[in-house]
Amino acid sequence: MSDSPRQFITITTKLDSEPAHAEQLGHISVAWANVEWNMYMLFEVMSGSPPAVARSIFYAIDSNRGRREMLQAIARVLFAEHRSELNILEDILRRIGKSAGQRNKYVHDTWGVAQTAKREVFQMRMSTAGETGTMQEVTLPDMKAVVENSQKLADELNAFRERTMPKLPSLLEKYRNLPGLGLVYAPKGHPPGRKPKGFHGQR
């Protein structure tokens, strides 16, 4: 019994014929830019830096992960005694990290449109494990959900900044008034009876 003949399907890697998908891809990019903008605005007020300095620092970090880690590090100091606020921000940042992966796939993975009667629209997931990549169908409802989620995250960041901004001057002033970086000897790491190098005792 002979094998059935192979069916060859023409695939184009452009979205010219699929304006609805191209439109949603634009909405995804715009919504994500709003997330990044609100992350920067929060960094500016939490860091207490002048805008030009804050902008230089924030945008020197290329990755969204690095920016999230900066915000989280500052928040863990400023909101150490305000656990509820810290928990809220850490939850937002965690969800931003999850959404970043979704956004990156839509922006960076190659698109394809099968020239068939159904005209399936898909992306090639080349970063998946294994010897070959995978083809994953992309639907408009899925893309719209990413847009809506990104907009929700941007709104939550804005609300967090507006709510906590009145507290920030006093929280920042608390650390500005410290004389300097405090260091203490670790309780472990030196043999019993032996004082660490540089130790002069208390007077």
C-alpha atoms as a PDB file:
ATOM      1  CA  MET A   1       0.000   0.000   0.000  1.00  0.00           C
ATOM      2  CA  SER A   2       1.563   3.293  -1.036  1.00  0.00           C
ATOM      3  CA  ASP A   3       1.805   6.270   1.243  1.00  0.00           C
ATOM      4  CA  SER A   4      -0.770   9.010   0.701  1.00  0.00           C
ATOM      5  CA  PRO A   5       0.671  12.012  -1.123  1.00  0.00           C
ATOM      6  CA  ARG A   6       1.945  14.816   1.047  1.00  0.00           C
ATOM      7  CA  GLN A   7      -0.041  18.023   1.115  1.00  0.00           C
ATOM      8  CA  PHE A   8       2.024  21.163   0.847  1.00  0.00           C
ATOM      9  CA  ILE A   9       0.591  24.308   2.402  1.00  0.00           C
ATOM     10  CA  THR A  10       1.843  27.767   1.588  1.00  0.00           C
ATOM     11  CA  ILE A  11       2.548  29.878   4.645  1.00  0.00           C
ATOM     12  CA  THR A  12       3.206  33.590   4.737  1.00  0.00           C
ATOM     13  CA  THR A  13       5.019  35.216   7.652  1.00  0.00           C
ATOM     14  CA  LYS A  14       3.197  38.532   7.329  1.00  0.00           C
ATOM     15  CA  LEU A  15      -0.112  39.744   8.733  1.00  0.00           C
ATOM     16  CA  ASP A  16      -1.101  41.836   5.718  1.00  0.00           C
ATOM     17  CA  SER A  17      -4.087  39.596   5.105  1.00  0.00           C
ATOM     18  CA  GLU A  18      -5.114  39.511   8.780  1.00  0.00           C
ATOM     19  CA  PRO A  19      -5.729  43.133   9.853  1.00  0.00           C
ATOM     20  CA  ALA A  20      -7.649  42.127  12.985  1.00  0.00           C
ATOM     21  CA  HIS A  21      -4.656  40.208  14.351  1.00  0.00           C
ATOM     22  CA  ALA A  22      -2.297  43.023  13.371  1.00  0.00           C
ATOM     23  CA  GLU A  23      -4.537  45.503  15.193  1.00  0.00           C
ATOM     24  CA  GLN A  24      -4.574  43.448  18.370  1.00  0.00           C
ATOM     25  CA  LEU A  25      -0.801  43.090  18.217  1.00  0.00           C
ATOM     26  CA  GLY A  26      -0.614  46.881  18.203  1.00  0.00           C
ATOM     27  CA  HIS A  27      -2.965  47.062  21.193  1.00  0.00           C
ATOM     28  CA  ILE A  28      -0.750  44.584  23.050  1.00  0.00           C
ATOM     29  CA  SER A  29       2.299  46.787  22.468  1.00  0.00           C
ATOM     30  CA  VAL A  30       0.474  49.944  23.586  1.00  0.00           C
ATOM     31  CA  ALA A  31      -0.956  48.316  26.702  1.00  0.00           C
ATOM     32  CA  TRP A  32       2.440  46.915  27.680  1.00  0.00           C
ATOM     33  CA  ALA A  33       4.074  50.322  27.221  1.00  0.00           C
ATOM     34  CA  ASN A  34       1.573  51.619  29.778  1.00  0.00           C
ATOM     35  CA  VAL A  35       2.641  48.906  32.221  1.00  0.00           C
ATOM     36  CA  GLU A  36       6.300  49.893  31.811  1.00  0.00           C
ATOM     37  CA  TRP A  37       5.432  53.588  32.157  1.00  0.00           C
ATOM     38  CA  ASN A  38       3.589  53.007  35.432  1.00  0.00           C
ATOM     39  CA  MET A  39       6.504  50.915  36.692  1.00  0.00           C
ATOM     40  CA  TYR A  40       8.807  53.859  35.987  1.00  0.00           C
ATOM     41  CA  MET A  41       6.486  56.360  37.687  1.00  0.00           C
ATOM     42  CA  LEU A  42       6.369  54.152  40.766  1.00  0.00           C
ATOM     43  CA  PHE A  43      10.154  53.794  40.756  1.00  0.00           C
ATOM     44  CA  GLU A  44      10.568  57.560  40.609  1.00  0.00           C
ATOM     45  CA  VAL A  45       8.438  58.255  43.685  1.00  0.00           C
ATOM     46  CA  MET A  46       9.681  55.266  45.696  1.00  0.00           C
ATOM     47  CA  SER A  47      13.348  55.942  45.025  1.00  0.00           C
ATOM     48  CA  GLY A  48      13.022  59.599  45.939  1.00  0.00           C
ATOM     49  CA  SER A  49      15.365  60.451  43.066  1.00  0.00           C
ATOM     50  CA  PRO A  50      15.031  63.571  40.894  1.00  0.00           C
ATOM     51  CA  PRO A  51      13.160  62.680  37.679  1.00  0.00           C
ATOM     52  CA  ALA A  52      16.252  62.890  35.448  1.00  0.00           C
ATOM     53  CA  VAL A  53      18.215  60.617  37.792  1.00  0.00           C
ATOM     54  CA  ALA A  54      15.336  58.173  38.223  1.00  0.00           C
ATOM     55  CA  ARG A  55      14.838  57.985  34.468  1.00  0.00           C
ATOM     56  CA  SER A  56      18.528  57.344  33.855  1.00  0.00           C
ATOM     57  CA  ILE A  57      18.607  54.534  36.411  1.00  0.00           C
ATOM     58  CA  PHE A  58      15.336  52.870  35.439  1.00  0.00           C
ATOM     59  CA  TYR A  59      15.918  52.825  31.696  1.00  0.00           C
ATOM     60  CA  ALA A  60      19.522  51.687  32.107  1.00  0.00           C
ATOM     61  CA  ILE A  61      17.969  48.334  33.057  1.00  0.00           C
ATOM     62  CA  ASP A  62      16.852  46.677  29.823  1.00  0.00           C
ATOM     63  CA  SER A  63      14.825  43.766  31.146  1.00  0.00           C
ATOM     64  CA  ASN A  64      11.396  43.897  32.703  1.00  0.00           C
ATOM     65  CA  ARG A  65      12.614  41.397  35.269  1.00  0.00           C
ATOM     66  CA  GLY A  66      15.425  43.707  36.362  1.00  0.00           C
ATOM     67  CA  ARG A  67      12.998  46.592  36.708  1.00  0.00           C
ATOM     68  CA  ARG A  68      10.602  44.487  38.768  1.00  0.00           C
ATOM     69  CA  GLU A  69      13.446  43.440  41.053  1.00  0.00           C
ATOM     70  CA  MET A  70      14.443  47.078  41.613  1.00  0.00           C
ATOM     71  CA  LEU A  71      10.892  48.000  42.596  1.00  0.00           C
ATOM     72  CA  GLN A  72      10.611  44.995  44.876  1.00  0.00           C
ATOM     73  CA  ALA A  73      13.950  45.720  46.564  1.00  0.00           C
ATOM     74  CA  ILE A  74      12.976  49.324  47.332  1.00  0.00           C
ATOM     75  CA  ALA A  75       9.496  48.320  48.481  1.00  0.00           C
ATOM     76  CA  ARG A  76      10.845  45.752  50.941  1.00  0.00           C
ATOM     77  CA  VAL A  77      12.745  48.548  52.669  1.00  0.00           C
ATOM     78  CA  LEU A  78      10.136  51.299  52.539  1.00  0.00           C
ATOM     79  CA  PHE A  79       7.141  49.125  53.381  1.00  0.00           C
ATOM     80  CA  ALA A  80       8.847  46.842  55.906  1.00  0.00           C
ATOM     81  CA  GLU A  81       6.331  48.019  58.527  1.00  0.00           C
ATOM     82  CA  HIS A  82       3.430  48.123  56.080  1.00  0.00           C
ATOM     83  CA  ARG A  83       3.131  44.481  55.131  1.00  0.00           C
ATOM     84  CA  SER A  84      -0.277  44.808  53.498  1.00  0.00           C
ATOM     85  CA  GLU A  85       1.027  47.361  50.995  1.00  0.00           C
ATOM     86  CA  LEU A  86       4.147  45.304  50.344  1.00  0.00           C
ATOM     87  CA  ASN A  87       2.067  42.197  49.713  1.00  0.00           C
ATOM     88  CA  ILE A  88      -0.144  44.067  47.248  1.00  0.00           C
ATOM     89  CA  LEU A  89       2.812  45.372  45.252  1.00  0.00           C
ATOM     90  CA  GLU A  90       4.623  42.043  45.229  1.00  0.00           C
ATOM     91  CA  ASP A  91       1.467  40.376  43.907  1.00  0.00           C
ATOM     92  CA  ILE A  92       1.192  42.963  41.115  1.00  0.00           C
ATOM     93  CA  LEU A  93       4.856  42.518  40.203  1.00  0.00           C
ATOM     94  CA  ARG A  94       4.483  38.726  40.175  1.00  0.00           C
ATOM     95  CA  ARG A  95       1.570  38.983  37.753  1.00  0.00           C
ATOM     96  CA  ILE A  96       3.481  41.445  35.589  1.00  0.00           C
ATOM     97  CA  GLY A  97       6.267  38.876  35.337  1.00  0.00           C
ATOM     98  CA  LYS A  98       3.792  36.237  34.200  1.00  0.00           C
ATOM     99  CA  SER A  99       2.237  38.619  31.678  1.00  0.00           C
ATOM    100  CA  ALA A 100       5.650  39.634  30.354  1.00  0.00           C
ATOM    101  CA  GLY A 101       6.140  36.108  29.060  1.00  0.00           C
ATOM    102  CA  GLN A 102       2.841  36.247  27.194  1.00  0.00           C
ATOM    103  CA  ARG A 103       3.595  39.661  25.719  1.00  0.00           C
ATOM    104  CA  ASN A 104       7.088  38.577  24.644  1.00  0.00           C
ATOM    105  CA  LYS A 105       5.736  35.625  22.695  1.00  0.00           C
ATOM    106  CA  TYR A 106       3.383  37.804  20.682  1.00  0.00           C
ATOM    107  CA  VAL A 107       6.058  40.407  19.974  1.00  0.00           C
ATOM    108  CA  HIS A 108       9.113  38.216  19.354  1.00  0.00           C
ATOM    109  CA  ASP A 109       7.905  34.891  17.921  1.00  0.00           C
ATOM    110  CA  THR A 110       7.473  34.544  14.155  1.00  0.00           C
ATOM    111  CA  TRP A 111       3.940  34.781  12.783  1.00  0.00           C
ATOM    112  CA  GLY A 112       2.454  32.586  10.093  1.00  0.00           C
ATOM    113  CA  VAL A 113      -0.751  32.502   8.088  1.00  0.00           C
ATOM    114  CA  ALA A 114      -1.672  29.251   6.355  1.00  0.00           C
ATOM    115  CA  GLN A 115      -2.965  29.886   2.851  1.00  0.00           C
ATOM    116  CA  THR A 116      -5.905  27.511   3.200  1.00  0.00           C
ATOM    117  CA  ALA A 117      -9.665  27.939   3.241  1.00  0.00           C
ATOM    118  CA  LYS A 118      -9.595  28.426   7.016  1.00  0.00           C
ATOM    119  CA  ARG A 119      -6.544  30.725   6.927  1.00  0.00           C
ATOM    120  CA  GLU A 120      -5.242  29.658  10.326  1.00  0.00           C
ATOM    121  CA  VAL A 121      -3.080  32.268  12.058  1.00  0.00           C
ATOM    122  CA  PHE A 122      -0.315  30.886  14.248  1.00  0.00           C
ATOM    123  CA  GLN A 123       3.097  31.590  15.718  1.00  0.00           C
ATOM    124  CA  MET A 124       6.212  29.459  15.685  1.00  0.00           C
ATOM    125  CA  ARG A 125       7.384  28.863  19.251  1.00  0.00           C
ATOM    126  CA  MET A 126      11.063  28.301  18.581  1.00  0.00           C
ATOM    127  CA  SER A 127      12.126  28.666  22.222  1.00  0.00           C
ATOM    128  CA  THR A 128      10.326  25.530  23.398  1.00  0.00           C
ATOM    129  CA  ALA A 129      12.395  22.568  24.541  1.00  0.00           C
ATOM    130  CA  GLY A 130      13.144  19.757  22.099  1.00  0.00           C
ATOM    131  CA  GLU A 131      14.689  19.286  18.705  1.00  0.00           C
ATOM    132  CA  THR A 132      11.979  21.200  16.875  1.00  0.00           C
ATOM    133  CA  GLY A 133       9.813  24.215  17.595  1.00  0.00           C
ATOM    134  CA  THR A 134       6.032  24.129  17.748  1.00  0.00           C
ATOM    135  CA  MET A 135       3.259  25.895  15.870  1.00  0.00           C
ATOM    136  CA  GLN A 136       0.567  27.393  18.081  1.00  0.00           C
ATOM    137  CA  GLU A 137      -2.673  28.886  16.806  1.00  0.00           C
ATOM    138  CA  VAL A 138      -3.312  32.494  17.843  1.00  0.00           C
ATOM    139  CA  THR A 139      -6.919  33.588  18.307  1.00  0.00           C
ATOM    140  CA  LEU A 140      -8.285  37.101  18.641  1.00  0.00           C
ATOM    141  CA  PRO A 141      -9.946  36.395  22.028  1.00  0.00           C
ATOM    142  CA  ASP A 142      -6.582  35.253  23.402  1.00  0.00           C
ATOM    143  CA  MET A 143      -4.903  38.436  22.182  1.00  0.00           C
ATOM    144  CA  LYS A 144      -7.670  40.629  23.574  1.00  0.00           C
ATOM    145  CA  ALA A 145      -7.287  38.930  26.952  1.00  0.00           C
ATOM    146  CA  VAL A 146      -3.590  39.902  27.010  1.00  0.00           C
ATOM    147  CA  VAL A 147      -4.510  43.515  26.257  1.00  0.00           C
ATOM    148  CA  GLU A 148      -7.137  43.612  28.991  1.00  0.00           C
ATOM    149  CA  ASN A 149      -4.786  42.032  31.519  1.00  0.00           C
ATOM    150  CA  SER A 150      -2.003  44.502  30.737  1.00  0.00           C
ATOM    151  CA  GLN A 151      -4.394  47.425  31.086  1.00  0.00           C
ATOM    152  CA  LYS A 152      -5.571  46.048  34.434  1.00  0.00           C
ATOM    153  CA  LEU A 153      -1.982  45.765  35.692  1.00  0.00           C
ATOM    154  CA  ALA A 154      -1.202  49.334  34.604  1.00  0.00           C
ATOM    155  CA  ASP A 155      -4.296  50.565  36.446  1.00  0.00           C
ATOM    156  CA  GLU A 156      -3.336  48.654  39.590  1.00  0.00           C
ATOM    157  CA  LEU A 157       0.181  50.118  39.555  1.00  0.00           C
ATOM    158  CA  ASN A 158      -1.257  53.605  39.168  1.00  0.00           C
ATOM    159  CA  ALA A 159      -3.712  53.041  42.024  1.00  0.00           C
ATOM    160  CA  PHE A 160      -0.924  51.722  44.271  1.00  0.00           C
ATOM    161  CA  ARG A 161       1.238  54.765  43.540  1.00  0.00           C
ATOM    162  CA  GLU A 162      -1.611  57.210  44.188  1.00  0.00           C
ATOM    163  CA  ARG A 163      -2.548  55.490  47.449  1.00  0.00           C
ATOM    164  CA  THR A 164       0.953  55.218  48.902  1.00  0.00           C
ATOM    165  CA  MET A 165       2.402  58.507  47.657  1.00  0.00           C
ATOM    166  CA  PRO A 166       1.331  60.506  50.768  1.00  0.00           C
ATOM    167  CA  LYS A 167       3.309  58.082  52.979  1.00  0.00           C
ATOM    168  CA  LEU A 168       6.505  58.103  50.940  1.00  0.00           C
ATOM    169  CA  PRO A 169       8.081  61.422  52.054  1.00  0.00           C
ATOM    170  CA  SER A 170       8.163  60.358  55.710  1.00  0.00           C
ATOM    171  CA  LEU A 171       9.313  56.840  54.843  1.00  0.00           C
ATOM    172  CA  LEU A 172      12.161  58.189  52.726  1.00  0.00           C
ATOM    173  CA  GLU A 173      13.095  60.783  55.343  1.00  0.00           C
ATOM    174  CA  LYS A 174      13.484  58.022  57.906  1.00  0.00           C
ATOM    175  CA  TYR A 175      16.355  56.560  55.881  1.00  0.00           C
ATOM    176  CA  ARG A 176      17.843  59.916  54.899  1.00  0.00           C
ATOM    177  CA  ASN A 177      18.350  60.673  58.589  1.00  0.00           C
ATOM    178  CA  LEU A 178      20.430  57.562  59.201  1.00  0.00           C
ATOM    179  CA  PRO A 179      24.125  58.443  59.741  1.00  0.00           C
ATOM    180  CA  GLY A 180      25.361  55.932  57.206  1.00  0.00           C
ATOM    181  CA  LEU A 181      25.485  52.287  56.272  1.00  0.00           C
ATOM    182  CA  GLY A 182      25.353  50.188  59.418  1.00  0.00           C
ATOM    183  CA  LEU A 183      27.394  46.996  59.623  1.00  0.00           C
ATOM    184  CA  VAL A 184      27.467  44.374  62.340  1.00  0.00           C
ATOM    185  CA  TYR A 185      29.696  41.347  62.808  1.00  0.00           C
ATOM    186  CA  ALA A 186      28.114  38.096  61.822  1.00  0.00           C
ATOM    187  CA  PRO A 187      27.354  35.864  64.837  1.00  0.00           C
ATOM    188  CA  LYS A 188      29.167  32.984  63.144  1.00  0.00           C
ATOM    189  CA  GLY A 189      32.364  32.575  61.225  1.00  0.00           C
ATOM    190  CA  HIS A 190      35.041  33.209  63.871  1.00  0.00           C
ATOM    191  CA  PRO A 191      36.570  30.605  66.206  1.00  0.00           C
ATOM    192  CA  PRO A 192      35.547  30.867  69.871  1.00  0.00           C
ATOM    193  CA  GLY A 193      37.683  33.346  71.791  1.00  0.00           C
ATOM    194  CA  ARG A 194      39.137  34.861  68.637  1.00  0.00           C
ATOM    195  CA  LYS A 195      38.127  38.383  67.739  1.00  0.00           C
ATOM    196  CA  PRO A 196      37.644  39.261  64.096  1.00  0.00           C
ATOM    197  CA  LYS A 197      40.276  41.334  62.371  1.00  0.00           C
ATOM    198  CA  GLY A 198      39.759  45.035  62.915  1.00  0.00           C
ATOM    199  CA  PHE A 199      37.762  44.545  66.115  1.00  0.00           C
ATOM    200  CA  HIS A 200      38.795  47.074  68.759  1.00  0.00           C
ATOM    201  CA  GLY A 201      36.196  46.388  71.366  1.00  0.00           C
ATOM    202  CA  GLN A 202      33.770  48.811  72.968  1.00  0.00           C
ATOM    203  CA  ARG A 203      34.840  51.767  75.023  1.00  0.00           C
END
